[in-house]
Amino acid sequence: MNGFRKIATTAIILAGLTHTDAFAAGFVSGTVVSVRVDQTGHGMVFFSQAVGSAPPSCVISAYANALAFDANTAGGKAVLALALAAKATGAVISASGLGTCAIFSSFVEDWDYGVAQ
């Protein structure tokens, strides 16, 4: 009976975690419509399609087709280069969000990874 309780408790905890935004993340595959970079180094890539799949609840509708990045980091500089190259050539980018909205303080999902096609 003791083993059953451990399994049941674990199952309940895991079920509760899967219903939170902790595992929510968006995905988009489209062309780059525009790239925004602020004086802080924070930026956004706007896509021709809305970020779908399971974007976090912190995303507001005005930024439903955008992912955020921080050009102050090496990863953010790579995102900026990828986005500008895709914009210039019309290439499609498939990108995934991180499931958080930390870069722009709770209104656009943060970029996790992307691939130019």
Protein backbone atom coordinates (compact mmCIF):
# COMPACT_ATOMS: atom_id res chain seq x y z
CA MET A 1 0.00 0.00 0.00
CA ASN A 2 2.88 2.39 0.73
CA GLY A 3 4.21 2.07 -2.86
CA PHE A 4 0.74 2.82 -4.22
CA ARG A 5 0.55 6.04 -2.21
CA LYS A 6 3.88 7.22 -3.62
CA ILE A 7 2.77 6.47 -7.17
CA ALA A 8 -0.62 8.14 -6.64
CA THR A 9 0.96 11.22 -5.06
CA THR A 10 3.46 11.50 -7.91
CA ALA A 11 0.69 11.14 -10.49
CA ILE A 12 -1.40 13.87 -8.84
CA ILE A 13 1.56 16.25 -8.69
CA LEU A 14 2.48 15.63 -12.34
CA ALA A 15 -1.14 16.06 -13.44
CA GLY A 16 -1.28 19.39 -11.64
CA LEU A 17 1.93 20.60 -13.25
CA THR A 18 0.81 19.76 -16.77
CA HIS A 19 -2.16 22.11 -16.45
CA THR A 20 -0.08 25.20 -15.75
CA ASP A 21 1.65 27.65 -18.05
CA ALA A 22 4.94 26.20 -16.87
CA PHE A 23 4.88 23.89 -19.89
CA ALA A 24 3.16 26.24 -22.36
CA ALA A 25 5.22 27.39 -25.30
CA GLY A 26 4.34 28.71 -28.72
CA PHE A 27 5.53 27.65 -32.16
CA VAL A 28 5.47 29.55 -35.46
CA SER A 29 6.55 28.87 -39.03
CA GLY A 30 6.40 31.89 -41.31
CA THR A 31 8.23 34.73 -42.96
CA VAL A 32 9.58 37.70 -41.03
CA VAL A 33 7.32 40.74 -41.40
CA SER A 34 9.44 43.06 -39.27
CA VAL A 35 12.19 43.20 -36.67
CA ARG A 36 12.10 45.65 -33.77
CA VAL A 37 15.08 46.48 -31.55
CA ASP A 38 14.84 48.99 -28.70
CA GLN A 39 17.70 51.10 -27.30
CA THR A 40 17.89 48.60 -24.42
CA GLY A 41 18.87 45.83 -26.83
CA HIS A 42 15.55 44.06 -26.39
CA GLY A 43 13.87 43.14 -29.62
CA MET A 44 11.02 41.29 -31.29
CA VAL A 45 10.61 39.35 -34.50
CA PHE A 46 7.15 39.70 -36.03
CA PHE A 47 6.02 36.79 -38.23
CA SER A 48 3.48 36.45 -41.04
CA GLN A 49 1.64 33.89 -38.92
CA ALA A 50 0.47 33.97 -35.31
CA VAL A 51 2.50 32.05 -32.78
CA GLY A 52 0.40 28.94 -32.28
CA SER A 53 0.61 25.63 -30.46
CA ALA A 54 0.45 26.62 -26.77
CA PRO A 55 1.73 30.16 -26.19
CA PRO A 56 1.74 31.24 -22.54
CA SER A 57 -1.19 33.22 -21.16
CA CYS A 58 1.03 36.30 -20.64
CA VAL A 59 1.01 37.06 -24.41
CA ILE A 60 -1.38 39.86 -25.39
CA SER A 61 -3.17 39.87 -28.74
CA ALA A 62 -1.15 42.77 -30.21
CA TYR A 63 1.96 40.55 -30.02
CA ALA A 64 0.40 37.20 -30.96
CA ASN A 65 2.67 36.97 -34.03
CA ALA A 66 5.93 37.95 -32.27
CA LEU A 67 8.73 36.43 -30.24
CA ALA A 68 11.13 38.48 -28.08
CA PHE A 69 14.91 38.31 -27.84
CA ASP A 70 17.71 40.11 -25.98
CA ALA A 71 20.47 41.35 -28.31
CA ASN A 72 22.69 41.99 -25.27
CA THR A 73 23.39 38.24 -25.20
CA ALA A 74 25.22 36.06 -27.73
CA GLY A 75 22.02 34.11 -28.33
CA GLY A 76 20.03 37.29 -28.89
CA LYS A 77 22.59 38.55 -31.39
CA ALA A 78 22.26 35.25 -33.25
CA VAL A 79 18.45 35.62 -33.28
CA LEU A 80 18.79 39.16 -34.63
CA ALA A 81 21.16 38.00 -37.40
CA LEU A 82 18.86 35.09 -38.30
CA ALA A 83 15.78 37.32 -38.39
CA LEU A 84 17.43 40.03 -40.51
CA ALA A 85 18.79 37.46 -42.98
CA ALA A 86 15.37 35.82 -43.25
CA LYS A 87 13.70 39.21 -43.72
CA ALA A 88 16.15 40.16 -46.48
CA THR A 89 15.76 36.87 -48.37
CA GLY A 90 12.14 36.03 -47.65
CA ALA A 91 13.14 32.74 -46.00
CA VAL A 92 10.72 30.97 -43.70
CA ILE A 93 11.71 30.66 -40.04
CA SER A 94 10.34 27.94 -37.80
CA ALA A 95 10.71 29.14 -34.21
CA SER A 96 9.67 28.06 -30.78
CA GLY A 97 8.96 30.17 -27.75
CA LEU A 98 10.35 29.59 -24.30
CA GLY A 99 6.98 29.72 -22.53
CA THR A 100 7.92 32.87 -20.63
CA CYS A 101 7.39 36.59 -21.14
CA ALA A 102 10.41 37.96 -19.26
CA ILE A 103 12.21 40.12 -21.82
CA PHE A 104 9.38 42.61 -22.36
CA SER A 105 7.84 42.24 -18.89
CA SER A 106 4.83 40.05 -19.54
CA PHE A 107 3.33 40.71 -22.95
CA VAL A 108 5.33 38.87 -25.64
CA GLU A 109 6.77 35.36 -25.50
CA ASP A 110 10.55 34.94 -25.29
CA TRP A 111 12.38 33.24 -28.19
CA ASP A 112 13.75 29.75 -27.45
CA TYR A 113 15.13 28.56 -30.80
CA GLY A 114 14.61 29.00 -34.51
CA VAL A 115 15.60 27.52 -37.86
CA ALA A 116 15.72 29.32 -41.22
CA GLN A 117 14.47 27.16 -44.06
